[in-house]
Amino acid sequence: MDAKPRTASPRKPVQARSRKIRLQIMEAAHEVMRRNGVRAITTNAVAAQAGVKVGSIYDYFPNKEAIIADIYGEKLAAVRAFLEAGSQTIDAQHWQAQLADLIRKTWDYQLSIGLDRTLVDAAYYYEDLFRIARDHAQLLARTYVTLLRRLGSTWPQEDLYDLGISLYTLVNANWSYWRLQDNQDMIAIERQIRMTILLVEDVFQTKPSPSETP
C-alpha cells in the first residue's frame, strides 16, 4: 500500500498575522502621539514607526482618527472589565476599604496598559473619542448601580445611575489636576477615593434620595 503523501506544515493563519500587524500599527500610533503630541500624528509617521508601508495602514484603518479611536476604545474596555470584576469582590461590611483599594488598583492597571494623558487629551480633539468616552462613563455608571444595589441601597435606579456618572467625573478631575499641575501626583487619587466614599455613603442613609427631595 502506497504511503500517504506528506502534507506541508500549516502556515500561520492569515487572521493571526493581520491581528499582529493591526496591533503593531496601533502601538506605533500611540508611541508617535506620546512623542509628538496628538495634533502632530500623521499616517506617514505611524507607518515609519511601525515599519510598514503607508498603504498597509489603510488595509486596517480608514484614517488616523480610526487608529486612535481603536486604541482608546480597547483600553477603556479593558479598564471596565477590570473594575467590574473587582466590584464583585466588595462586601457590605468592608466596602469603604475595599472600594478604596479597588480605585487604587484600577489606576495602577489603567496606567500599566498605557491609558495615559496622551489618549485622554485626544478626546478633546476627536469627536469619535468623545463618544467613546461618554459610552464608557455610562457603562461604568451601570457598574456602580449594580454594586450599590448589591450592597443594599434602596435608592431609585435613576438616582444611582446619576451618582455613578458623578463618580466617574472624579476620574476626569484627576486627569485635569495632573494636566494643570504638569505632574502625576498620587494625592489626586487619594482625594478621588475620599470624595467617592463620601458620596457613596449617602446611598445607605435613610434620608430621601435626591429625586425625592423637594
N, C-alpha and C. Protein backbone atom coordinates (compact mmCIF):
# COMPACT_ATOMS: atom_id res chain seq x y z
N MET A 1 0.85 -1.18 0.00
CA MET A 1 0.00 0.00 0.00
C MET A 1 0.89 1.24 0.00
N ASP A 2 0.57 2.17 -0.92
CA ASP A 2 1.39 3.38 -1.01
C ASP A 2 1.21 4.23 0.24
N ALA A 3 2.31 4.78 0.69
CA ALA A 3 2.24 5.68 1.85
C ALA A 3 1.55 6.98 1.46
N LYS A 4 0.85 7.54 2.40
CA LYS A 4 0.18 8.81 2.12
C LYS A 4 1.21 9.90 1.95
N PRO A 5 1.01 10.78 0.98
CA PRO A 5 1.97 11.87 0.79
C PRO A 5 2.00 12.78 2.00
N ARG A 6 3.18 13.25 2.34
CA ARG A 6 3.31 14.16 3.48
C ARG A 6 2.72 15.51 3.13
N THR A 7 1.97 16.04 4.04
CA THR A 7 1.39 17.36 3.80
C THR A 7 2.30 18.42 4.40
N ALA A 8 2.28 19.57 3.77
CA ALA A 8 3.11 20.66 4.26
C ALA A 8 2.61 21.15 5.61
N SER A 9 3.52 21.65 6.42
CA SER A 9 3.12 22.20 7.71
C SER A 9 2.17 23.37 7.49
N PRO A 10 1.12 23.45 8.29
CA PRO A 10 0.17 24.55 8.10
C PRO A 10 0.84 25.89 8.32
N ARG A 11 0.49 26.83 7.45
CA ARG A 11 1.04 28.17 7.60
C ARG A 11 0.36 28.90 8.76
N LYS A 12 1.05 29.88 9.24
CA LYS A 12 0.46 30.70 10.29
C LYS A 12 -0.81 31.34 9.74
N PRO A 13 -1.94 31.24 10.46
CA PRO A 13 -3.19 31.77 9.94
C PRO A 13 -3.08 33.24 9.56
N VAL A 14 -3.70 33.58 8.45
CA VAL A 14 -3.68 34.96 7.97
C VAL A 14 -4.31 35.88 9.01
N GLN A 15 -5.37 35.37 9.68
CA GLN A 15 -6.05 36.18 10.68
C GLN A 15 -5.10 36.60 11.81
N ALA A 16 -4.29 35.66 12.25
CA ALA A 16 -3.35 35.96 13.33
C ALA A 16 -2.33 36.99 12.88
N ARG A 17 -1.86 36.85 11.63
CA ARG A 17 -0.89 37.81 11.10
C ARG A 17 -1.52 39.20 10.99
N SER A 18 -2.78 39.24 10.58
CA SER A 18 -3.47 40.52 10.46
C SER A 18 -3.63 41.19 11.81
N ARG A 19 -3.96 40.39 12.82
CA ARG A 19 -4.10 40.95 14.17
C ARG A 19 -2.77 41.52 14.66
N LYS A 20 -1.69 40.80 14.33
CA LYS A 20 -0.37 41.26 14.76
C LYS A 20 0.00 42.59 14.10
N ILE A 21 -0.27 42.70 12.81
CA ILE A 21 0.06 43.95 12.10
C ILE A 21 -0.82 45.09 12.61
N ARG A 22 -2.10 44.80 12.83
CA ARG A 22 -3.02 45.82 13.35
C ARG A 22 -2.53 46.32 14.70
N LEU A 23 -2.14 45.41 15.58
CA LEU A 23 -1.63 45.80 16.90
C LEU A 23 -0.34 46.60 16.76
N GLN A 24 0.50 46.19 15.83
CA GLN A 24 1.77 46.89 15.58
C GLN A 24 1.50 48.34 15.17
N ILE A 25 0.51 48.55 14.31
CA ILE A 25 0.16 49.90 13.86
C ILE A 25 -0.38 50.72 15.03
N MET A 26 -1.23 50.10 15.85
CA MET A 26 -1.82 50.81 17.00
C MET A 26 -0.74 51.22 18.01
N GLU A 27 0.16 50.31 18.30
CA GLU A 27 1.24 50.62 19.24
C GLU A 27 2.14 51.72 18.69
N ALA A 28 2.39 51.68 17.38
CA ALA A 28 3.21 52.71 16.75
C ALA A 28 2.52 54.07 16.82
N ALA A 29 1.22 54.08 16.57
CA ALA A 29 0.46 55.34 16.62
C ALA A 29 0.51 55.93 18.02
N HIS A 30 0.37 55.08 19.02
CA HIS A 30 0.40 55.56 20.40
C HIS A 30 1.77 56.14 20.74
N GLU A 31 2.80 55.49 20.27
CA GLU A 31 4.15 55.98 20.54
C GLU A 31 4.40 57.33 19.86
N VAL A 32 3.91 57.48 18.62
CA VAL A 32 4.05 58.76 17.91
C VAL A 32 3.30 59.85 18.66
N MET A 33 2.11 59.52 19.17
CA MET A 33 1.34 60.50 19.93
C MET A 33 2.08 60.93 21.19
N ARG A 34 2.68 59.98 21.89
CA ARG A 34 3.43 60.31 23.11
C ARG A 34 4.60 61.23 22.79
N ARG A 35 5.26 60.95 21.66
CA ARG A 35 6.48 61.67 21.32
C ARG A 35 6.19 63.04 20.70
N ASN A 36 5.21 63.09 19.81
CA ASN A 36 4.98 64.31 19.03
C ASN A 36 3.71 65.07 19.40
N GLY A 37 2.85 64.45 20.21
CA GLY A 37 1.59 65.09 20.54
C GLY A 37 0.46 64.64 19.64
N VAL A 38 -0.75 64.82 20.11
CA VAL A 38 -1.94 64.35 19.39
C VAL A 38 -2.09 65.03 18.03
N ARG A 39 -1.87 66.34 18.00
CA ARG A 39 -2.13 67.08 16.77
C ARG A 39 -1.10 66.80 15.68
N ALA A 40 0.07 66.30 16.09
CA ALA A 40 1.14 66.09 15.11
C ALA A 40 1.11 64.71 14.47
N ILE A 41 0.23 63.84 14.88
CA ILE A 41 0.23 62.48 14.36
C ILE A 41 -0.18 62.45 12.89
N THR A 42 0.57 61.68 12.08
CA THR A 42 0.26 61.50 10.66
C THR A 42 0.40 60.02 10.32
N THR A 43 -0.25 59.60 9.25
CA THR A 43 -0.12 58.20 8.84
C THR A 43 1.31 57.89 8.40
N ASN A 44 2.00 58.88 7.84
CA ASN A 44 3.41 58.66 7.46
C ASN A 44 4.27 58.38 8.68
N ALA A 45 4.05 59.16 9.75
CA ALA A 45 4.82 58.95 10.97
C ALA A 45 4.50 57.60 11.60
N VAL A 46 3.24 57.22 11.57
CA VAL A 46 2.83 55.93 12.13
C VAL A 46 3.46 54.79 11.34
N ALA A 47 3.41 54.90 10.01
CA ALA A 47 3.99 53.85 9.16
C ALA A 47 5.48 53.69 9.42
N ALA A 48 6.17 54.82 9.55
CA ALA A 48 7.61 54.76 9.80
C ALA A 48 7.90 54.11 11.15
N GLN A 49 7.11 54.46 12.16
CA GLN A 49 7.30 53.89 13.50
C GLN A 49 6.98 52.39 13.51
N ALA A 50 5.96 52.00 12.75
CA ALA A 50 5.53 50.60 12.72
C ALA A 50 6.38 49.74 11.79
N GLY A 51 7.13 50.38 10.89
CA GLY A 51 7.93 49.63 9.93
C GLY A 51 7.09 49.01 8.83
N VAL A 52 6.02 49.70 8.43
CA VAL A 52 5.16 49.20 7.34
C VAL A 52 4.98 50.32 6.32
N LYS A 53 4.46 49.96 5.16
CA LYS A 53 4.17 50.95 4.15
C LYS A 53 2.91 51.72 4.53
N VAL A 54 2.84 52.96 4.10
CA VAL A 54 1.67 53.78 4.42
C VAL A 54 0.40 53.11 3.90
N GLY A 55 0.49 52.52 2.71
CA GLY A 55 -0.68 51.86 2.14
C GLY A 55 -1.19 50.72 3.00
N SER A 56 -0.29 50.08 3.74
CA SER A 56 -0.69 48.96 4.59
C SER A 56 -1.60 49.42 5.72
N ILE A 57 -1.40 50.64 6.17
CA ILE A 57 -2.24 51.16 7.25
C ILE A 57 -3.69 51.20 6.83
N TYR A 58 -3.92 51.57 5.55
CA TYR A 58 -5.30 51.69 5.08
C TYR A 58 -5.95 50.34 4.83
N ASP A 59 -5.19 49.27 4.91
CA ASP A 59 -5.78 47.94 4.87
C ASP A 59 -6.49 47.61 6.18
N TYR A 60 -6.13 48.36 7.24
CA TYR A 60 -6.67 48.08 8.57
C TYR A 60 -7.49 49.22 9.15
N PHE A 61 -7.17 50.44 8.74
CA PHE A 61 -7.85 51.62 9.31
C PHE A 61 -8.15 52.62 8.19
N PRO A 62 -9.33 53.23 8.21
CA PRO A 62 -9.65 54.21 7.16
C PRO A 62 -8.88 55.51 7.27
N ASN A 63 -8.45 55.86 8.50
CA ASN A 63 -7.71 57.11 8.72
C ASN A 63 -7.03 57.06 10.09
N LYS A 64 -6.27 58.10 10.39
CA LYS A 64 -5.53 58.11 11.66
C LYS A 64 -6.48 58.21 12.86
N GLU A 65 -7.62 58.90 12.67
CA GLU A 65 -8.57 59.02 13.76
C GLU A 65 -9.11 57.65 14.18
N ALA A 66 -9.29 56.77 13.20
CA ALA A 66 -9.79 55.43 13.50
C ALA A 66 -8.77 54.62 14.31
N ILE A 67 -7.50 54.84 14.03
CA ILE A 67 -6.45 54.15 14.81
C ILE A 67 -6.53 54.59 16.27
N ILE A 68 -6.59 55.89 16.48
CA ILE A 68 -6.63 56.43 17.84
C ILE A 68 -7.89 55.97 18.56
N ALA A 69 -9.03 55.97 17.84
CA ALA A 69 -10.29 55.55 18.44
C ALA A 69 -10.22 54.09 18.89
N ASP A 70 -9.60 53.24 18.09
CA ASP A 70 -9.49 51.83 18.46
C ASP A 70 -8.58 51.64 19.67
N ILE A 71 -7.47 52.38 19.70
CA ILE A 71 -6.58 52.30 20.87
C ILE A 71 -7.35 52.70 22.13
N TYR A 72 -8.00 53.84 22.05
CA TYR A 72 -8.74 54.39 23.18
C TYR A 72 -9.85 53.44 23.62
N GLY A 73 -10.65 52.98 22.65
CA GLY A 73 -11.78 52.11 22.96
C GLY A 73 -11.37 50.80 23.58
N GLU A 74 -10.31 50.19 23.08
CA GLU A 74 -9.86 48.91 23.62
C GLU A 74 -9.32 49.05 25.04
N LYS A 75 -8.61 50.13 25.30
CA LYS A 75 -8.06 50.32 26.64
C LYS A 75 -9.18 50.62 27.65
N LEU A 76 -10.16 51.41 27.25
CA LEU A 76 -11.28 51.69 28.14
C LEU A 76 -12.07 50.42 28.43
N ALA A 77 -12.25 49.58 27.42
CA ALA A 77 -12.96 48.31 27.63
C ALA A 77 -12.22 47.43 28.63
N ALA A 78 -10.90 47.42 28.55
CA ALA A 78 -10.11 46.62 29.49
C ALA A 78 -10.26 47.16 30.91
N VAL A 79 -10.28 48.49 31.05
CA VAL A 79 -10.45 49.10 32.38
C VAL A 79 -11.83 48.76 32.94
N ARG A 80 -12.86 48.82 32.10
CA ARG A 80 -14.21 48.48 32.56
C ARG A 80 -14.27 47.05 33.07
N ALA A 81 -13.66 46.13 32.32
CA ALA A 81 -13.68 44.72 32.72
C ALA A 81 -12.96 44.55 34.06
N PHE A 82 -11.85 45.26 34.23
CA PHE A 82 -11.08 45.18 35.48
C PHE A 82 -11.91 45.70 36.66
N LEU A 83 -12.54 46.86 36.47
CA LEU A 83 -13.32 47.47 37.54
C LEU A 83 -14.56 46.63 37.87
N GLU A 84 -15.21 46.10 36.84
CA GLU A 84 -16.40 45.29 37.08
C GLU A 84 -16.05 44.02 37.86
N ALA A 85 -14.96 43.36 37.46
CA ALA A 85 -14.54 42.15 38.18
C ALA A 85 -14.20 42.47 39.62
N GLY A 86 -13.50 43.58 39.84
CA GLY A 86 -13.13 43.97 41.19
C GLY A 86 -14.32 44.33 42.04
N SER A 87 -15.32 44.96 41.44
CA SER A 87 -16.50 45.39 42.20
C SER A 87 -17.28 44.20 42.75
N GLN A 88 -17.16 43.06 42.10
CA GLN A 88 -17.89 41.88 42.54
C GLN A 88 -17.31 41.27 43.82
N THR A 89 -16.12 41.70 44.21
CA THR A 89 -15.48 41.18 45.42
C THR A 89 -15.75 42.05 46.64
N ILE A 90 -16.45 43.17 46.46
CA ILE A 90 -16.72 44.11 47.56
C ILE A 90 -17.92 43.63 48.36
N ASP A 91 -17.80 43.65 49.68
CA ASP A 91 -18.93 43.23 50.52
C ASP A 91 -19.41 44.40 51.37
N ALA A 92 -20.61 44.25 51.91
CA ALA A 92 -21.26 45.34 52.63
C ALA A 92 -20.53 45.74 53.90
N GLN A 93 -19.86 44.80 54.54
CA GLN A 93 -19.22 45.09 55.82
C GLN A 93 -17.95 45.93 55.68
N HIS A 94 -17.20 45.68 54.58
CA HIS A 94 -15.90 46.35 54.44
C HIS A 94 -15.82 47.19 53.16
N TRP A 95 -16.96 47.69 52.69
CA TRP A 95 -16.98 48.29 51.37
C TRP A 95 -16.08 49.51 51.24
N GLN A 96 -15.96 50.32 52.31
CA GLN A 96 -15.13 51.53 52.19
C GLN A 96 -13.67 51.19 51.87
N ALA A 97 -13.10 50.29 52.66
CA ALA A 97 -11.69 49.92 52.44
C ALA A 97 -11.53 49.18 51.13
N GLN A 98 -12.48 48.33 50.79
CA GLN A 98 -12.37 47.54 49.56
C GLN A 98 -12.55 48.42 48.33
N LEU A 99 -13.46 49.37 48.39
CA LEU A 99 -13.64 50.28 47.25
C LEU A 99 -12.42 51.17 47.08
N ALA A 100 -11.87 51.64 48.17
CA ALA A 100 -10.64 52.45 48.10
C ALA A 100 -9.52 51.65 47.45
N ASP A 101 -9.37 50.42 47.86
CA ASP A 101 -8.33 49.56 47.30
C ASP A 101 -8.57 49.31 45.81
N LEU A 102 -9.84 49.11 45.44
CA LEU A 102 -10.16 48.87 44.03
C LEU A 102 -9.85 50.09 43.17
N ILE A 103 -10.14 51.28 43.67
CA ILE A 103 -9.84 52.50 42.91
C ILE A 103 -8.34 52.63 42.68
N ARG A 104 -7.55 52.39 43.74
CA ARG A 104 -6.09 52.44 43.57
C ARG A 104 -5.61 51.41 42.56
N LYS A 105 -6.11 50.19 42.67
CA LYS A 105 -5.69 49.13 41.75
C LYS A 105 -6.12 49.42 40.32
N THR A 106 -7.29 50.03 40.16
CA THR A 106 -7.76 50.36 38.81
C THR A 106 -6.87 51.41 38.17
N TRP A 107 -6.44 52.40 38.94
CA TRP A 107 -5.50 53.39 38.41
C TRP A 107 -4.18 52.72 38.03
N ASP A 108 -3.67 51.86 38.89
CA ASP A 108 -2.43 51.15 38.57
C ASP A 108 -2.59 50.34 37.29
N TYR A 109 -3.74 49.69 37.16
CA TYR A 109 -3.98 48.86 35.98
C TYR A 109 -4.06 49.70 34.72
N GLN A 110 -4.86 50.76 34.74
CA GLN A 110 -5.04 51.53 33.51
C GLN A 110 -3.74 52.22 33.08
N LEU A 111 -2.95 52.66 34.03
CA LEU A 111 -1.66 53.25 33.66
C LEU A 111 -0.71 52.19 33.12
N SER A 112 -0.81 50.96 33.66
CA SER A 112 0.08 49.88 33.21
C SER A 112 -0.23 49.44 31.78
N ILE A 113 -1.49 49.61 31.34
CA ILE A 113 -1.84 49.21 29.97
C ILE A 113 -1.71 50.38 28.99
N GLY A 114 -1.24 51.52 29.48
CA GLY A 114 -0.98 52.64 28.57
C GLY A 114 -2.13 53.59 28.38
N LEU A 115 -3.12 53.55 29.28
CA LEU A 115 -4.17 54.56 29.22
C LEU A 115 -3.62 55.80 29.92
N ASP A 116 -3.04 56.69 29.11
CA ASP A 116 -2.30 57.82 29.66
C ASP A 116 -2.90 59.15 29.24
N ARG A 117 -2.26 60.24 29.65
CA ARG A 117 -2.78 61.57 29.34
C ARG A 117 -2.81 61.84 27.85
N THR A 118 -1.91 61.22 27.11
CA THR A 118 -1.92 61.42 25.66
C THR A 118 -3.25 61.00 25.06
N LEU A 119 -3.74 59.84 25.47
CA LEU A 119 -5.02 59.35 24.95
C LEU A 119 -6.20 60.14 25.51
N VAL A 120 -6.15 60.44 26.79
CA VAL A 120 -7.25 61.19 27.40
C VAL A 120 -7.37 62.56 26.75
N ASP A 121 -6.24 63.22 26.51
CA ASP A 121 -6.26 64.53 25.86
C ASP A 121 -6.79 64.45 24.43
N ALA A 122 -6.56 63.31 23.77
CA ALA A 122 -7.03 63.17 22.39
C ALA A 122 -8.54 63.27 22.28
N ALA A 123 -9.24 62.93 23.38
CA ALA A 123 -10.70 63.00 23.36
C ALA A 123 -11.19 64.44 23.20
N TYR A 124 -10.33 65.41 23.49
CA TYR A 124 -10.70 66.82 23.31
C TYR A 124 -10.63 67.24 21.85
N TYR A 125 -9.88 66.47 21.06
CA TYR A 125 -9.65 66.87 19.66
C TYR A 125 -10.46 66.06 18.65
N TYR A 126 -10.85 64.86 19.01
CA TYR A 126 -11.54 63.99 18.05
C TYR A 126 -12.92 63.63 18.57
N GLU A 127 -13.94 63.93 17.78
CA GLU A 127 -15.32 63.72 18.20
C GLU A 127 -15.61 62.25 18.47
N ASP A 128 -15.05 61.35 17.66
CA ASP A 128 -15.30 59.93 17.87
C ASP A 128 -14.82 59.48 19.25
N LEU A 129 -13.72 60.04 19.71
CA LEU A 129 -13.20 59.67 21.02
C LEU A 129 -14.10 60.18 22.14
N PHE A 130 -14.71 61.34 21.93
CA PHE A 130 -15.64 61.85 22.94
C PHE A 130 -16.83 60.91 23.08
N ARG A 131 -17.33 60.41 21.96
CA ARG A 131 -18.46 59.47 22.02
C ARG A 131 -18.06 58.19 22.75
N ILE A 132 -16.85 57.73 22.49
CA ILE A 132 -16.35 56.53 23.18
C ILE A 132 -16.26 56.79 24.68
N ALA A 133 -15.75 57.97 25.06
CA ALA A 133 -15.62 58.34 26.47
C ALA A 133 -16.99 58.43 27.13
N ARG A 134 -17.97 58.96 26.44
CA ARG A 134 -19.33 59.07 27.01
C ARG A 134 -19.94 57.70 27.22
N ASP A 135 -19.79 56.82 26.23
CA ASP A 135 -20.29 55.45 26.39
C ASP A 135 -19.60 54.74 27.55
N HIS A 136 -18.30 54.98 27.70
CA HIS A 136 -17.52 54.39 28.79
C HIS A 136 -18.07 54.86 30.13
N ALA A 137 -18.33 56.15 30.25
CA ALA A 137 -18.86 56.70 31.50
C ALA A 137 -20.21 56.08 31.84
N GLN A 138 -21.06 55.91 30.84
CA GLN A 138 -22.38 55.34 31.08
C GLN A 138 -22.29 53.88 31.52
N LEU A 139 -21.38 53.14 30.91
CA LEU A 139 -21.22 51.73 31.29
C LEU A 139 -20.64 51.61 32.70
N LEU A 140 -19.70 52.48 33.04
CA LEU A 140 -19.14 52.46 34.39
C LEU A 140 -20.20 52.85 35.43
N ALA A 141 -21.07 53.78 35.06
CA ALA A 141 -22.15 54.18 35.97
C ALA A 141 -23.05 52.99 36.26
N ARG A 142 -23.30 52.16 35.26
CA ARG A 142 -24.14 50.97 35.47
C ARG A 142 -23.44 49.96 36.38
N THR A 143 -22.11 49.91 36.30
CA THR A 143 -21.37 49.03 37.21
C THR A 143 -21.57 49.48 38.64
N TYR A 144 -21.54 50.80 38.86
CA TYR A 144 -21.80 51.32 40.21
C TYR A 144 -23.23 51.04 40.66
N VAL A 145 -24.18 51.16 39.74
CA VAL A 145 -25.58 50.85 40.09
C VAL A 145 -25.69 49.41 40.59
N THR A 146 -25.10 48.49 39.85
CA THR A 146 -25.14 47.07 40.23
C THR A 146 -24.48 46.85 41.59
N LEU A 147 -23.33 47.49 41.80
CA LEU A 147 -22.61 47.33 43.06
C LEU A 147 -23.43 47.87 44.23
N LEU A 148 -23.95 49.09 44.10
CA LEU A 148 -24.67 49.71 45.20
C LEU A 148 -25.98 49.01 45.50
N ARG A 149 -26.63 48.51 44.48
CA ARG A 149 -27.83 47.69 44.69
C ARG A 149 -27.48 46.45 45.50
N ARG A 150 -26.39 45.79 45.12
CA ARG A 150 -25.98 44.56 45.80
C ARG A 150 -25.60 44.83 47.25
N LEU A 151 -25.04 46.01 47.51
CA LEU A 151 -24.65 46.35 48.88
C LEU A 151 -25.83 46.82 49.73
N GLY A 152 -27.00 46.96 49.12
CA GLY A 152 -28.20 47.23 49.91
C GLY A 152 -28.85 48.58 49.72
N SER A 153 -28.41 49.37 48.75
CA SER A 153 -29.04 50.68 48.54
C SER A 153 -30.47 50.51 48.04
N THR A 154 -31.36 51.37 48.56
CA THR A 154 -32.75 51.36 48.10
C THR A 154 -33.07 52.58 47.25
N TRP A 155 -32.07 53.33 46.89
CA TRP A 155 -32.29 54.49 46.02
C TRP A 155 -32.88 54.03 44.69
N PRO A 156 -33.68 54.89 44.05
CA PRO A 156 -34.18 54.56 42.71
C PRO A 156 -33.03 54.38 41.72
N GLN A 157 -33.30 53.58 40.70
CA GLN A 157 -32.29 53.26 39.69
C GLN A 157 -31.69 54.51 39.06
N GLU A 158 -32.55 55.47 38.72
CA GLU A 158 -32.05 56.67 38.02
C GLU A 158 -31.14 57.50 38.91
N ASP A 159 -31.40 57.49 40.22
CA ASP A 159 -30.54 58.25 41.13
C ASP A 159 -29.18 57.58 41.31
N LEU A 160 -29.19 56.27 41.37
CA LEU A 160 -27.92 55.55 41.46
C LEU A 160 -27.09 55.74 40.19
N TYR A 161 -27.78 55.74 39.06
CA TYR A 161 -27.08 55.95 37.79
C TYR A 161 -26.48 57.35 37.73
N ASP A 162 -27.25 58.34 38.16
CA ASP A 162 -26.75 59.72 38.17
C ASP A 162 -25.54 59.83 39.09
N LEU A 163 -25.59 59.16 40.24
CA LEU A 163 -24.44 59.16 41.15
C LEU A 163 -23.24 58.49 40.48
N GLY A 164 -23.48 57.39 39.74
CA GLY A 164 -22.39 56.72 39.04
C GLY A 164 -21.69 57.63 38.05
N ILE A 165 -22.47 58.45 37.34
CA ILE A 165 -21.87 59.42 36.41
C ILE A 165 -21.02 60.42 37.19
N SER A 166 -21.53 60.88 38.34
CA SER A 166 -20.77 61.83 39.16
C SER A 166 -19.46 61.21 39.64
N LEU A 167 -19.51 59.93 40.03
CA LEU A 167 -18.29 59.26 40.48
C LEU A 167 -17.27 59.16 39.36
N TYR A 168 -17.77 58.97 38.13
CA TYR A 168 -16.83 58.91 37.00
C TYR A 168 -16.19 60.27 36.74
N THR A 169 -16.91 61.36 37.00
CA THR A 169 -16.32 62.68 36.77
C THR A 169 -15.13 62.92 37.69
N LEU A 170 -15.08 62.22 38.82
CA LEU A 170 -13.93 62.36 39.71
C LEU A 170 -12.67 61.80 39.07
N VAL A 171 -12.84 60.79 38.22
CA VAL A 171 -11.70 60.25 37.47
C VAL A 171 -11.17 61.32 36.52
N ASN A 172 -12.07 61.98 35.81
CA ASN A 172 -11.65 63.04 34.90
C ASN A 172 -11.02 64.20 35.64
N ALA A 173 -11.48 64.44 36.87
CA ALA A 173 -10.88 65.51 37.67
C ALA A 173 -9.41 65.24 37.94
N ASN A 174 -9.05 63.97 38.12
CA ASN A 174 -7.63 63.63 38.33
C ASN A 174 -6.80 63.98 37.11
N TRP A 175 -7.30 63.62 35.92
CA TRP A 175 -6.56 63.94 34.69
C TRP A 175 -6.39 65.46 34.57
N SER A 176 -7.46 66.21 34.89
CA SER A 176 -7.38 67.67 34.80
C SER A 176 -6.37 68.23 35.80
N TYR A 177 -6.38 67.68 37.01
CA TYR A 177 -5.44 68.13 38.03
C TYR A 177 -4.01 67.89 37.58
N TRP A 178 -3.74 66.70 37.06
CA TRP A 178 -2.39 66.37 36.60
C TRP A 178 -1.97 67.26 35.43
N ARG A 179 -2.95 67.56 34.57
CA ARG A 179 -2.64 68.43 33.42
C ARG A 179 -2.28 69.82 33.90
N LEU A 180 -3.04 70.36 34.83
CA LEU A 180 -2.80 71.72 35.32
C LEU A 180 -1.53 71.82 36.14
N GLN A 181 -1.23 70.77 36.90
CA GLN A 181 -0.03 70.76 37.73
C GLN A 181 1.20 70.26 36.98
N ASP A 182 0.97 69.72 35.79
CA ASP A 182 2.04 69.16 34.96
C ASP A 182 2.83 68.09 35.73
N ASN A 183 2.09 67.23 36.43
CA ASN A 183 2.71 66.11 37.12
C ASN A 183 1.69 64.98 37.23
N GLN A 184 2.02 63.97 37.98
CA GLN A 184 1.10 62.85 38.18
C GLN A 184 1.13 62.47 39.66
N ASP A 185 0.90 63.46 40.49
CA ASP A 185 0.94 63.27 41.94
C ASP A 185 -0.21 62.36 42.36
N MET A 186 0.10 61.30 43.11
CA MET A 186 -0.90 60.33 43.53
C MET A 186 -1.88 60.90 44.55
N ILE A 187 -1.61 62.10 45.08
CA ILE A 187 -2.56 62.71 46.00
C ILE A 187 -3.92 62.88 45.35
N ALA A 188 -3.93 63.06 44.04
CA ALA A 188 -5.20 63.22 43.32
C ALA A 188 -6.07 61.98 43.47
N ILE A 189 -5.45 60.81 43.42
CA ILE A 189 -6.20 59.55 43.56
C ILE A 189 -6.76 59.42 44.96
N GLU A 190 -5.97 59.79 45.97
CA GLU A 190 -6.46 59.71 47.34
C GLU A 190 -7.63 60.66 47.57
N ARG A 191 -7.59 61.82 46.93
CA ARG A 191 -8.72 62.75 47.03
C ARG A 191 -9.95 62.17 46.33
N GLN A 192 -9.72 61.55 45.20
CA GLN A 192 -10.84 60.90 44.50
C GLN A 192 -11.48 59.84 45.39
N ILE A 193 -10.66 59.06 46.07
CA ILE A 193 -11.17 58.00 46.95
C ILE A 193 -12.02 58.59 48.07
N ARG A 194 -11.51 59.66 48.71
CA ARG A 194 -12.26 60.27 49.81
C ARG A 194 -13.60 60.82 49.33
N MET A 195 -13.60 61.47 48.17
CA MET A 195 -14.85 62.01 47.64
C MET A 195 -15.80 60.89 47.23
N THR A 196 -15.27 59.82 46.65
CA THR A 196 -16.12 58.69 46.23
C THR A 196 -16.81 58.06 47.44
N ILE A 197 -16.06 57.81 48.50
CA ILE A 197 -16.64 57.19 49.69
C ILE A 197 -17.67 58.12 50.32
N LEU A 198 -17.37 59.40 50.36
CA LEU A 198 -18.31 60.37 50.92
C LEU A 198 -19.63 60.37 50.15
N LEU A 199 -19.54 60.34 48.84
CA LEU A 199 -20.75 60.35 48.01
C LEU A 199 -21.51 59.03 48.11
N VAL A 200 -20.78 57.92 48.15
CA VAL A 200 -21.44 56.62 48.21
C VAL A 200 -22.12 56.41 49.56
N GLU A 201 -21.56 56.96 50.62
CA GLU A 201 -22.17 56.80 51.95
C GLU A 201 -23.62 57.31 51.97
N ASP A 202 -23.91 58.31 51.15
CA ASP A 202 -25.26 58.87 51.08
C ASP A 202 -26.31 57.83 50.71
N VAL A 203 -25.95 56.89 49.85
CA VAL A 203 -26.96 55.97 49.35
C VAL A 203 -27.38 54.94 50.39
N PHE A 204 -26.67 54.88 51.50
CA PHE A 204 -27.03 53.94 52.56
C PHE A 204 -27.70 54.64 53.75
N GLN A 205 -27.97 55.95 53.58
CA GLN A 205 -28.67 56.69 54.62
C GLN A 205 -30.18 56.51 54.44
N THR A 206 -30.93 56.83 55.49
CA THR A 206 -32.39 56.67 55.43
C THR A 206 -33.08 57.90 54.88
N LYS A 207 -32.34 58.97 54.68
CA LYS A 207 -32.96 60.19 54.15
C LYS A 207 -33.42 59.95 52.71
N PRO A 208 -34.35 60.76 52.22
CA PRO A 208 -34.83 60.59 50.83
C PRO A 208 -33.70 60.74 49.84
N SER A 209 -33.84 60.04 48.72
CA SER A 209 -32.84 60.16 47.66
C SER A 209 -33.03 61.50 46.96
N PRO A 210 -32.04 61.95 46.15
CA PRO A 210 -32.11 63.27 45.52
C PRO A 210 -33.38 63.52 44.72
N SER A 211 -33.90 62.50 44.02
CA SER A 211 -35.06 62.70 43.18
C SER A 211 -36.34 62.90 44.00
N GLU A 212 -36.29 62.50 45.29
CA GLU A 212 -37.46 62.62 46.14
C GLU A 212 -37.44 63.87 47.01
N THR A 213 -36.28 64.57 46.98
CA THR A 213 -36.15 65.76 47.80
C THR A 213 -36.81 66.96 47.11
N PRO A 214 -37.68 67.71 47.79
CA PRO A 214 -38.36 68.86 47.14
C PRO A 214 -37.37 69.88 46.66
